[in-house]
N, C-alpha and C. Protein backbone atom coordinates (compact mmCIF):
# COMPACT_ATOMS: atom_id res chain seq x y z
N MET A 1 87.32 119.11 82.16
CA MET A 1 87.09 120.57 82.25
C MET A 1 87.83 120.79 83.86
N ASN A 2 88.08 121.84 83.85
CA ASN A 2 88.37 122.56 85.33
C ASN A 2 87.60 122.31 86.45
N ALA A 3 87.85 121.84 87.33
CA ALA A 3 87.15 121.62 88.62
C ALA A 3 86.04 123.06 88.91
N ASN A 4 86.84 123.97 89.04
CA ASN A 4 86.41 125.39 89.34
C ASN A 4 85.43 125.92 88.16
N HIS A 5 85.36 125.52 87.14
CA HIS A 5 84.45 125.74 85.99
C HIS A 5 83.07 124.95 86.22
N VAL A 6 83.06 123.60 86.54
CA VAL A 6 82.06 122.71 86.90
C VAL A 6 81.30 123.02 88.10
N LYS A 7 81.91 123.65 89.00
CA LYS A 7 81.49 124.29 90.22
C LYS A 7 80.75 125.36 89.70
N ALA A 8 81.25 126.35 89.18
CA ALA A 8 80.31 127.49 88.55
C ALA A 8 79.67 127.43 87.75
N TYR A 9 79.68 126.44 86.96
CA TYR A 9 78.37 125.95 86.01
C TYR A 9 77.15 125.51 86.95
N PHE A 10 77.36 124.46 88.05
CA PHE A 10 76.22 124.08 88.70
C PHE A 10 75.88 125.14 89.76
N ASN A 11 76.77 126.23 89.65
CA ASN A 11 76.17 127.47 90.50
C ASN A 11 75.38 128.01 89.97
N ASN A 12 75.44 128.18 88.70
CA ASN A 12 74.55 129.09 87.71
C ASN A 12 73.91 128.42 86.77
N GLN A 13 73.84 127.50 87.06
CA GLN A 13 72.97 126.49 85.72
C GLN A 13 71.30 127.04 85.98
N SER A 14 71.02 127.04 86.87
CA SER A 14 69.39 127.68 87.31
C SER A 14 69.20 129.30 86.68
N LEU A 15 70.20 129.92 87.02
CA LEU A 15 70.21 131.26 86.31
C LEU A 15 70.05 131.19 84.50
N MET A 16 71.02 129.99 84.22
CA MET A 16 71.55 130.17 82.98
C MET A 16 70.10 129.73 82.35
N ILE A 17 69.46 128.57 82.73
CA ILE A 17 68.15 128.42 82.14
C ILE A 17 67.16 129.82 82.30
N GLU A 18 66.86 130.16 83.56
CA GLU A 18 65.98 131.08 83.64
C GLU A 18 66.23 132.01 82.45
N MET A 19 67.72 132.93 82.57
CA MET A 19 67.88 133.81 81.57
C MET A 19 67.52 133.23 79.86
N ALA A 20 67.87 131.98 79.65
CA ALA A 20 67.51 131.54 78.30
C ALA A 20 65.99 131.45 77.93
N ILE A 21 65.37 131.10 78.72
CA ILE A 21 63.92 130.80 79.05
C ILE A 21 63.37 132.56 78.37
N LYS A 22 64.01 133.36 79.51
CA LYS A 22 63.41 134.73 79.28
C LYS A 22 63.87 135.57 77.99
N GLU A 23 64.69 135.18 77.50
CA GLU A 23 65.43 135.57 76.18
C GLU A 23 64.28 135.40 75.00
N ILE A 24 63.64 134.31 74.95
CA ILE A 24 62.46 133.72 74.56
C ILE A 24 61.48 134.91 74.04
N LEU A 25 61.27 135.84 75.16
CA LEU A 25 60.23 136.61 74.76
C LEU A 25 60.65 137.97 73.97
N ASP A 26 61.59 137.93 73.71
CA ASP A 26 62.60 139.00 72.83
C ASP A 26 62.62 138.63 71.37
N ALA A 27 62.81 137.11 71.33
CA ALA A 27 63.25 136.05 69.99
C ALA A 27 61.98 136.55 68.74
N ASN A 28 62.54 136.70 67.58
CA ASN A 28 61.52 137.57 66.50
C ASN A 28 61.77 135.94 65.57
N SER A 29 60.91 135.43 64.64
CA SER A 29 60.93 134.55 63.78
C SER A 29 59.56 134.63 63.23
N TYR A 30 59.60 134.66 61.86
CA TYR A 30 58.47 134.76 61.08
C TYR A 30 57.95 133.42 61.08
N ARG A 31 58.54 132.33 61.37
CA ARG A 31 57.42 130.87 61.57
C ARG A 31 57.48 130.90 63.52
N ASN A 32 57.54 131.70 63.72
CA ASN A 32 57.21 131.16 65.60
C ASN A 32 58.18 130.31 65.87
N PHE A 33 59.61 130.50 65.60
CA PHE A 33 60.52 129.32 65.78
C PHE A 33 61.18 130.07 67.07
N LEU A 34 61.12 130.47 68.22
CA LEU A 34 61.91 130.84 69.05
C LEU A 34 62.85 130.06 69.88
N VAL A 35 63.89 130.85 70.20
CA VAL A 35 64.81 130.20 70.60
C VAL A 35 65.57 131.34 71.93
N GLY A 36 65.83 130.68 72.84
CA GLY A 36 66.59 131.35 73.26
C GLY A 36 68.28 130.80 74.21
N ALA A 37 69.24 131.69 74.50
CA ALA A 37 70.44 131.10 74.95
C ALA A 37 71.34 131.87 76.01
N SER A 38 72.00 131.49 77.05
CA SER A 38 72.81 131.82 77.29
C SER A 38 74.26 131.32 77.74
N GLU A 39 75.07 131.65 78.12
CA GLU A 39 76.58 131.30 78.28
C GLU A 39 76.84 132.04 79.41
N LEU A 40 78.05 130.53 79.93
CA LEU A 40 78.89 131.13 81.21
C LEU A 40 80.00 131.03 80.75
N ILE A 41 80.56 132.43 80.70
CA ILE A 41 82.28 132.74 80.24
C ILE A 41 83.06 133.02 81.28
N PHE A 42 84.40 132.47 81.23
CA PHE A 42 85.16 132.88 82.41
C PHE A 42 86.83 133.54 81.71
N HIS A 43 86.57 134.79 82.26
CA HIS A 43 87.33 135.94 81.85
C HIS A 43 88.07 136.53 83.17
N ASN A 44 89.64 136.54 82.89
CA ASN A 44 90.13 137.35 83.84
C ASN A 44 89.76 136.80 85.57
N GLY A 45 89.58 135.69 85.35
CA GLY A 45 89.18 135.22 86.79
C GLY A 45 87.72 135.37 87.35
N ILE A 46 86.98 135.96 86.48
CA ILE A 46 85.38 136.07 86.90
C ILE A 46 84.47 135.50 85.96
N TYR A 47 83.59 134.87 86.56
CA TYR A 47 82.68 134.25 85.56
C TYR A 47 81.13 135.09 85.57
N GLN A 48 80.65 135.17 84.18
CA GLN A 48 79.39 136.08 84.07
C GLN A 48 78.89 135.45 82.94
N VAL A 49 77.36 135.33 83.11
CA VAL A 49 76.38 134.72 82.13
C VAL A 49 76.15 135.73 81.14
N PHE A 50 75.67 135.77 79.57
CA PHE A 50 75.35 136.47 78.85
C PHE A 50 74.10 136.03 78.28
N SER A 51 73.10 136.34 77.51
CA SER A 51 72.10 135.27 76.98
C SER A 51 71.43 136.18 76.09
N GLY A 52 71.34 135.49 74.69
CA GLY A 52 70.84 136.00 73.73
C GLY A 52 69.40 135.21 73.17
N HIS A 53 68.79 135.61 72.25
CA HIS A 53 67.61 135.24 71.52
C HIS A 53 67.93 134.97 69.87
N ASN A 54 66.88 134.47 69.14
CA ASN A 54 67.41 134.10 67.79
C ASN A 54 66.26 135.23 67.07
N ILE A 55 66.67 135.37 65.87
CA ILE A 55 66.21 136.32 65.06
C ILE A 55 65.86 135.99 63.25
N LYS A 56 64.79 135.79 63.04
CA LYS A 56 64.89 135.53 61.50
C LYS A 56 63.43 135.94 61.00
N LEU A 57 63.55 137.12 60.50
CA LEU A 57 62.16 138.12 60.05
C LEU A 57 61.54 137.33 59.02
N SER A 58 62.35 136.62 58.02
CA SER A 58 61.49 136.27 56.83
C SER A 58 62.43 135.08 56.02
N LYS A 59 61.15 134.13 55.71
CA LYS A 59 62.03 133.50 54.44
C LYS A 59 62.98 134.07 53.87
N GLY A 60 64.39 133.45 53.47
CA GLY A 60 65.34 133.89 52.93
C GLY A 60 66.50 134.87 53.56
N PHE A 61 65.71 135.52 54.78
CA PHE A 61 66.60 136.63 55.73
C PHE A 61 67.29 135.35 56.41
N PRO A 62 68.56 136.00 56.53
CA PRO A 62 69.78 135.02 57.36
C PRO A 62 69.43 134.66 58.71
N LYS A 63 69.20 133.65 59.19
CA LYS A 63 69.16 133.54 60.50
C LYS A 63 70.08 133.92 61.51
N HIS A 64 69.74 134.80 62.41
CA HIS A 64 70.81 134.72 63.68
C HIS A 64 70.40 134.35 65.01
N CYS A 65 71.14 133.26 65.07
CA CYS A 65 70.64 132.35 66.12
C CYS A 65 70.92 132.65 67.46
N ALA A 66 70.59 132.10 68.70
CA ALA A 66 70.62 132.65 69.96
C ALA A 66 71.58 132.34 70.63
N GLU A 67 72.56 131.22 70.04
CA GLU A 67 73.93 131.37 70.73
C GLU A 67 74.77 132.11 70.15
N LYS A 68 74.92 132.49 69.24
CA LYS A 68 75.57 133.93 68.55
C LYS A 68 75.35 135.24 69.15
N ASP A 69 74.19 135.33 69.44
CA ASP A 69 73.74 136.56 69.94
C ASP A 69 74.37 136.58 71.58
N ALA A 70 74.52 135.39 71.98
CA ALA A 70 74.96 135.57 73.44
C ALA A 70 76.30 135.85 73.25
N LEU A 71 77.16 135.10 72.41
CA LEU A 71 78.28 135.73 72.29
C LEU A 71 78.83 137.06 71.86
N ILE A 72 77.83 137.67 70.89
CA ILE A 72 77.96 138.87 70.46
C ILE A 72 78.00 139.98 71.82
N LYS A 73 76.72 139.90 72.75
CA LYS A 73 76.56 140.42 73.87
C LYS A 73 78.02 140.41 74.84
N ALA A 74 78.57 139.21 74.79
CA ALA A 74 79.90 139.19 75.74
C ALA A 74 80.90 140.17 74.78
N CYS A 75 81.03 139.61 73.54
CA CYS A 75 82.16 140.58 72.82
C CYS A 75 81.62 142.23 73.23
N ASP A 76 80.54 142.47 72.91
CA ASP A 76 80.05 143.81 72.95
C ASP A 76 80.88 144.45 74.53
N HIS A 77 80.69 143.84 75.19
CA HIS A 77 81.04 143.97 76.90
C HIS A 77 82.45 143.43 77.26
N HIS A 78 82.94 143.70 76.26
CA HIS A 78 84.65 143.24 76.12
C HIS A 78 84.58 141.90 77.02
N PHE A 79 83.91 140.97 77.18
CA PHE A 79 84.46 139.97 77.83
C PHE A 79 84.11 138.45 77.38
N PHE A 80 85.49 138.21 76.98
CA PHE A 80 85.26 136.94 76.27
C PHE A 80 86.62 136.19 76.64
N GLY A 81 86.30 134.75 77.53
CA GLY A 81 87.47 134.04 77.51
C GLY A 81 87.06 132.87 77.41
N GLU A 82 86.93 132.06 78.18
CA GLU A 82 86.66 130.46 78.10
C GLU A 82 85.16 130.34 78.31
N LEU A 83 84.58 129.71 77.19
CA LEU A 83 83.54 129.70 77.25
C LEU A 83 83.09 128.05 77.95
N VAL A 84 82.42 128.17 78.96
CA VAL A 84 82.52 126.89 80.15
C VAL A 84 81.15 126.42 79.77
N ALA A 85 80.22 126.93 79.34
CA ALA A 85 78.64 126.35 79.38
C ALA A 85 77.59 126.90 78.33
N VAL A 86 77.13 126.14 77.72
CA VAL A 86 75.88 126.66 76.77
C VAL A 86 74.55 126.20 77.64
N VAL A 87 73.33 127.19 77.52
CA VAL A 87 71.98 126.52 77.66
C VAL A 87 71.52 127.18 76.26
N VAL A 88 70.57 126.34 75.94
CA VAL A 88 69.81 126.32 74.85
C VAL A 88 68.45 126.36 75.29
N ALA A 89 67.51 126.93 75.07
CA ALA A 89 65.92 126.55 75.69
C ALA A 89 65.09 126.98 74.61
N SER A 90 64.23 126.29 74.06
CA SER A 90 63.06 126.30 73.02
C SER A 90 61.99 125.21 73.28
N ASP A 91 60.56 125.24 73.00
CA ASP A 91 59.94 124.10 73.01
C ASP A 91 59.98 123.75 71.34
N GLU A 92 60.73 124.52 70.47
CA GLU A 92 61.04 123.87 69.50
C GLU A 92 61.60 122.43 69.16
N ARG A 93 61.38 121.86 68.28
CA ARG A 93 62.07 120.49 67.74
C ARG A 93 62.50 120.52 66.58
N GLN A 94 63.63 120.37 65.80
CA GLN A 94 63.84 119.85 64.45
C GLN A 94 65.12 119.06 64.33
N ARG A 95 65.10 118.27 62.95
CA ARG A 95 65.52 117.59 62.63
C ARG A 95 66.64 118.44 61.70
N ASP A 96 68.16 117.83 62.54
CA ASP A 96 69.53 118.45 62.24
C ASP A 96 69.38 118.39 60.85
N GLU A 97 70.00 119.42 59.97
CA GLU A 97 69.91 119.56 58.61
C GLU A 97 71.25 118.79 58.38
N LEU A 98 72.13 118.82 59.15
CA LEU A 98 73.48 117.98 58.89
C LEU A 98 73.76 116.31 58.91
N SER A 99 73.33 116.10 60.26
CA SER A 99 73.17 114.91 60.67
C SER A 99 72.04 113.87 60.57
N GLY A 100 71.05 114.73 60.15
CA GLY A 100 69.84 113.83 60.00
C GLY A 100 69.18 113.43 61.43
N LYS A 101 69.49 113.96 62.52
CA LYS A 101 68.97 113.83 63.68
C LYS A 101 68.17 114.22 64.18
N ASN A 102 67.50 113.79 65.27
CA ASN A 102 66.16 114.32 65.66
C ASN A 102 66.27 114.22 67.13
N PRO A 103 66.81 115.28 67.74
CA PRO A 103 66.95 114.80 69.33
C PRO A 103 65.63 115.55 69.93
N SER A 104 65.64 115.09 71.20
CA SER A 104 64.08 115.27 71.97
C SER A 104 64.36 116.76 72.21
N THR A 105 65.65 117.69 72.32
CA THR A 105 65.70 118.97 72.30
C THR A 105 66.22 119.65 71.59
N LEU A 106 66.08 120.79 71.39
CA LEU A 106 66.59 121.69 70.38
C LEU A 106 68.36 121.83 70.48
N HIS A 107 68.95 121.40 69.51
CA HIS A 107 70.56 121.46 69.31
C HIS A 107 71.03 122.46 68.62
N PRO A 108 72.33 122.76 69.09
CA PRO A 108 72.48 123.87 68.19
C PRO A 108 72.61 123.68 66.82
N CYS A 109 72.70 124.43 66.02
CA CYS A 109 72.48 124.08 64.40
C CYS A 109 73.81 123.82 63.82
N PRO A 110 74.16 123.47 62.82
CA PRO A 110 75.26 122.93 62.14
C PRO A 110 76.57 124.33 62.24
N THR A 111 75.66 125.60 61.83
CA THR A 111 76.21 126.63 61.98
C THR A 111 76.98 126.90 63.31
N CYS A 112 75.90 126.74 63.93
CA CYS A 112 76.58 127.37 65.38
C CYS A 112 77.69 126.21 66.04
N ARG A 113 77.81 124.96 65.85
CA ARG A 113 78.49 123.87 66.08
C ARG A 113 79.97 124.29 65.38
N ALA A 114 79.84 124.67 64.00
CA ALA A 114 81.09 125.07 63.47
C ALA A 114 81.68 126.23 64.12
N MET A 115 80.66 127.37 64.47
CA MET A 115 81.35 128.59 65.13
C MET A 115 81.70 128.35 66.26
N PHE A 116 81.46 127.30 67.14
CA PHE A 116 82.07 126.98 68.41
C PHE A 116 83.44 126.25 68.26
N GLY A 117 83.42 125.22 67.16
CA GLY A 117 84.42 124.66 66.90
C GLY A 117 85.54 125.56 66.17
N ASP A 118 85.36 126.52 65.65
CA ASP A 118 86.48 127.58 65.06
C ASP A 118 87.03 128.43 66.30
N LEU A 119 86.09 128.44 67.44
CA LEU A 119 86.75 129.32 68.64
C LEU A 119 87.63 128.35 69.65
N LYS A 120 88.68 127.82 69.09
CA LYS A 120 89.30 126.75 69.67
C LYS A 120 90.47 127.52 71.01
N ASP A 121 90.17 128.99 70.98
CA ASP A 121 90.77 129.52 72.16
C ASP A 121 89.90 129.54 73.03
N HIS A 122 88.98 129.44 72.71
CA HIS A 122 87.98 129.87 74.02
C HIS A 122 87.12 128.51 74.48
N VAL A 123 86.64 127.57 73.46
CA VAL A 123 85.82 126.67 73.70
C VAL A 123 86.70 125.03 73.63
N THR A 124 86.53 124.53 74.65
CA THR A 124 87.30 123.27 74.91
C THR A 124 86.41 121.84 74.61
N ARG A 125 87.09 120.84 74.61
CA ARG A 125 86.31 119.45 74.34
C ARG A 125 84.88 119.41 75.35
N GLY A 126 85.57 120.00 76.75
CA GLY A 126 84.48 119.82 77.81
C GLY A 126 83.30 120.59 78.02
N THR A 127 83.32 122.11 77.34
CA THR A 127 82.47 122.88 77.21
C THR A 127 81.42 122.15 77.42
N ILE A 128 80.28 122.84 78.39
CA ILE A 128 78.70 122.09 78.51
C ILE A 128 77.81 122.63 77.78
N PHE A 129 77.04 121.73 77.26
CA PHE A 129 75.95 121.82 76.45
C PHE A 129 74.72 121.47 76.83
N TYR A 130 74.00 122.21 77.48
CA TYR A 130 72.55 121.96 78.20
C TYR A 130 71.57 122.48 77.40
N MET A 131 70.45 121.32 76.82
CA MET A 131 69.25 121.72 75.74
C MET A 131 68.40 121.51 77.09
N THR A 132 67.00 122.18 76.62
CA THR A 132 65.87 121.96 77.36
C THR A 132 64.71 122.59 76.76
N ASP A 133 63.47 121.96 77.06
CA ASP A 133 62.42 122.72 77.00
C ASP A 133 61.99 123.52 77.62
N LEU A 134 60.59 124.45 77.31
CA LEU A 134 60.70 125.42 78.16
C LEU A 134 60.18 125.03 79.73
N ALA A 135 59.40 123.74 79.70
CA ALA A 135 59.17 123.19 81.14
C ALA A 135 60.42 122.75 81.84
N GLN A 136 61.14 122.56 81.45
CA GLN A 136 62.15 121.45 81.74
C GLN A 136 61.77 120.04 81.79
N ILE A 137 61.15 119.45 81.28
CA ILE A 137 60.84 118.01 81.14
C ILE A 137 62.05 117.76 80.23
N ASN A 138 62.06 117.81 79.29
CA ASN A 138 62.87 117.29 77.93
C ASN A 138 64.47 118.00 78.32
N THR A 139 65.51 117.21 78.88
CA THR A 139 66.36 118.02 78.72
C THR A 139 67.76 117.07 78.45
N GLN A 140 68.78 117.91 77.75
CA GLN A 140 69.93 117.11 77.57
C GLN A 140 71.22 117.38 77.78
N GLU A 141 72.18 117.02 78.10
CA GLU A 141 73.59 117.83 78.40
C GLU A 141 74.55 117.03 77.95
N TYR A 142 75.58 117.39 77.30
CA TYR A 142 76.40 116.77 76.29
C TYR A 142 77.84 117.65 76.53
N SER A 143 78.86 117.34 76.69
CA SER A 143 80.10 118.05 76.27
C SER A 143 80.28 118.47 75.20
N PHE A 144 81.18 119.44 74.43
CA PHE A 144 81.04 119.61 73.04
C PHE A 144 81.71 119.00 72.65
N GLU A 145 82.55 117.76 73.18
CA GLU A 145 83.35 116.49 72.33
C GLU A 145 81.94 115.57 72.12
N GLU A 146 81.23 115.36 72.93
CA GLU A 146 79.77 114.49 73.12
C GLU A 146 79.17 115.39 71.96
N LEU A 147 78.68 116.35 71.70
CA LEU A 147 77.50 117.23 70.93
C LEU A 147 78.19 116.54 69.36
N VAL A 148 79.65 117.13 69.07
CA VAL A 148 80.01 116.70 67.79
C VAL A 148 80.01 115.03 67.68
N GLU A 149 80.15 114.38 68.69
CA GLU A 149 79.85 113.05 68.15
C GLU A 149 78.85 112.70 67.91
N TYR A 150 77.89 113.40 68.74
CA TYR A 150 76.38 112.68 68.35
C TYR A 150 75.94 113.10 67.19
N HIS A 151 76.63 114.18 66.69
CA HIS A 151 76.02 114.82 65.04
C HIS A 151 77.31 114.36 64.16
N ASN A 152 77.80 113.15 64.41
CA ASN A 152 79.02 113.00 63.44
C ASN A 152 79.57 114.04 62.79
N ASP A 153 80.00 115.16 63.34
CA ASP A 153 80.07 115.91 62.83
C ASP A 153 81.69 116.42 62.19
N ASP A 154 82.00 115.85 61.35
CA ASP A 154 83.81 115.55 60.93
C ASP A 154 84.40 116.88 60.45
N ARG A 155 83.18 118.27 60.13
CA ARG A 155 84.23 119.20 59.96
C ARG A 155 84.72 119.96 61.40
N ILE A 156 84.24 119.52 62.38
CA ILE A 156 84.85 120.04 63.41
C ILE A 156 86.18 119.37 64.05
N LYS A 157 87.00 119.66 64.07
CA LYS A 157 88.59 119.23 64.77
C LYS A 157 88.62 119.49 66.03
N LEU A 158 88.70 118.77 66.97
CA LEU A 158 88.80 118.78 68.11
C LEU A 158 90.27 118.72 68.64
């Protein structure tokens, strides 16, 4: 990953975590499964952070993940270049429905991993994924490539 991107990530990491955690206040889930996310995007020489939250109003209702919500907000502001980093914050944990793994923090779901994999002009192997609980006790950090490998997600071609 570009050294300037890494520096921007470390300079914005605390803000990103704070924004992701605050987004949980707006999350809406019929089963109280609350998630916030933030994303650091580099576009036209500028770094900016966008955040989002999940929405799932009832069983059978399509889920709207926090990671996707943050991307939509960036696009709404016509600000979408390289995705430098993603922070996912939640006290929820769940077994990954595709890989069967049960990580100590909430990872992006298979649908979100595939979405990021499809954004080849914007997401790189080195895009940083940082997952944390709300107390920031359990944290994990992976590059996108490492995240895909961890979940053995062969749907995504890097």
